[in-house]
Amino acid sequence: MLGFILYLIVMGLIAGFIARAVVPGRDSMSVGATMLLGIVGSFIGGFIGYVLTHKDANDGAFQASGIIGSIVGAIVALLVYRAVTSRGTRHA
């Protein structure tokens, strides 16, 4: 269990930083928020992989993914985060 948590933290940090580098624009996120972005992205990537391939269907739809899935999921999560947070602000 501890190994899985460390895996999520390290992969989350890497995936979050790569997602923030790939998606253009400025983000005022701390290191912790970037790590959380990557961890959420890992589960989003796992869900996308489950929906597309049904590989590891016995584990269910809520599962962590590898580095590529984590990056793709983190990009999706970052775009959703930006859409939600920019909706409340007006640009003059």
Protein backbone atom coordinates (compact mmCIF):
# COMPACT_ATOMS: atom_id res chain seq x y z
CA MET A 1 0.00 0.00 0.00
CA LEU A 2 2.81 2.42 0.84
CA GLY A 3 4.47 1.64 -2.48
CA PHE A 4 1.25 2.47 -4.33
CA ILE A 5 0.96 5.81 -2.52
CA LEU A 6 4.57 6.69 -3.34
CA TYR A 7 3.94 5.66 -6.95
CA LEU A 8 0.93 7.99 -7.11
CA ILE A 9 2.90 10.89 -5.62
CA VAL A 10 5.88 10.53 -7.97
CA MET A 11 3.80 9.86 -11.08
CA GLY A 12 1.42 12.66 -10.11
CA LEU A 13 4.25 15.14 -9.80
CA ILE A 14 5.79 14.13 -13.13
CA ALA A 15 2.46 13.99 -15.00
CA GLY A 16 1.29 17.30 -13.50
CA PHE A 17 4.46 19.13 -14.52
CA ILE A 18 4.36 17.67 -18.04
CA ALA A 19 0.67 18.54 -18.44
CA ARG A 20 1.31 22.12 -17.31
CA ALA A 21 4.21 22.36 -19.78
CA VAL A 22 2.19 20.95 -22.70
CA VAL A 23 -0.98 23.02 -22.23
CA PRO A 24 -0.26 26.64 -23.16
CA GLY A 25 -1.06 29.42 -20.73
CA ARG A 26 -0.15 30.42 -17.21
CA ASP A 27 -1.22 28.46 -14.16
CA SER A 28 -0.63 29.72 -10.66
CA MET A 29 -0.42 26.29 -9.05
CA SER A 30 1.78 25.23 -6.19
CA VAL A 31 3.83 22.05 -6.26
CA GLY A 32 1.14 20.34 -4.18
CA ALA A 33 -1.59 21.41 -6.60
CA THR A 34 0.51 20.17 -9.52
CA MET A 35 0.95 16.82 -7.76
CA LEU A 36 -2.79 16.62 -7.10
CA LEU A 37 -3.43 17.45 -10.77
CA GLY A 38 -1.24 14.52 -11.80
CA ILE A 39 -2.84 12.13 -9.31
CA VAL A 40 -6.33 13.05 -10.49
CA GLY A 41 -5.03 12.73 -14.05
CA SER A 42 -3.80 9.22 -13.30
CA PHE A 43 -7.29 8.12 -12.33
CA ILE A 44 -8.84 9.94 -15.29
CA GLY A 45 -6.33 8.19 -17.56
CA GLY A 46 -7.18 4.86 -15.92
CA PHE A 47 -10.87 5.46 -16.52
CA ILE A 48 -10.25 6.40 -20.17
CA GLY A 49 -8.16 3.25 -20.61
CA TYR A 50 -10.87 1.15 -18.98
CA VAL A 51 -13.57 2.60 -21.23
CA LEU A 52 -11.54 2.18 -24.42
CA THR A 53 -9.97 -1.25 -23.87
CA HIS A 54 -11.71 -2.96 -20.91
CA LYS A 55 -8.27 -4.27 -19.98
CA ASP A 56 -8.17 -5.14 -16.27
CA ALA A 57 -11.97 -5.00 -16.21
CA ASN A 58 -11.96 -6.97 -12.96
CA ASP A 59 -10.26 -4.02 -11.20
CA GLY A 60 -13.16 -1.72 -12.07
CA ALA A 61 -13.31 1.65 -13.75
CA PHE A 62 -11.61 3.54 -10.89
CA GLN A 63 -7.93 2.63 -11.25
CA ALA A 64 -4.60 4.37 -11.63
CA SER A 65 -2.80 4.34 -14.95
CA GLY A 66 0.80 4.48 -16.12
CA ILE A 67 2.76 7.57 -17.05
CA ILE A 68 1.22 8.10 -20.50
CA GLY A 69 -2.33 7.70 -19.19
CA SER A 70 -1.50 9.97 -16.27
CA ILE A 71 -0.24 12.71 -18.58
CA VAL A 72 -3.29 12.44 -20.86
CA GLY A 73 -5.61 12.46 -17.85
CA ALA A 74 -3.77 15.41 -16.28
CA ILE A 75 -4.13 17.39 -19.52
CA VAL A 76 -7.87 16.66 -19.50
CA ALA A 77 -8.11 17.62 -15.82
CA LEU A 78 -6.16 20.85 -16.42
CA LEU A 79 -8.40 21.85 -19.32
CA VAL A 80 -11.51 21.15 -17.23
CA TYR A 81 -10.02 23.10 -14.30
CA ARG A 82 -9.33 26.09 -16.56
CA ALA A 83 -12.82 25.95 -18.06
CA VAL A 84 -14.43 25.89 -14.62
CA THR A 85 -12.28 28.60 -13.06
CA SER A 86 -12.37 30.96 -16.05
CA ARG A 87 -16.17 30.76 -16.30
CA GLY A 88 -16.60 32.99 -13.25
CA THR A 89 -14.21 35.74 -14.44
CA ARG A 90 -14.95 38.38 -17.03
CA HIS A 91 -12.39 39.72 -19.43
CA ALA A 92 -12.90 43.34 -20.35
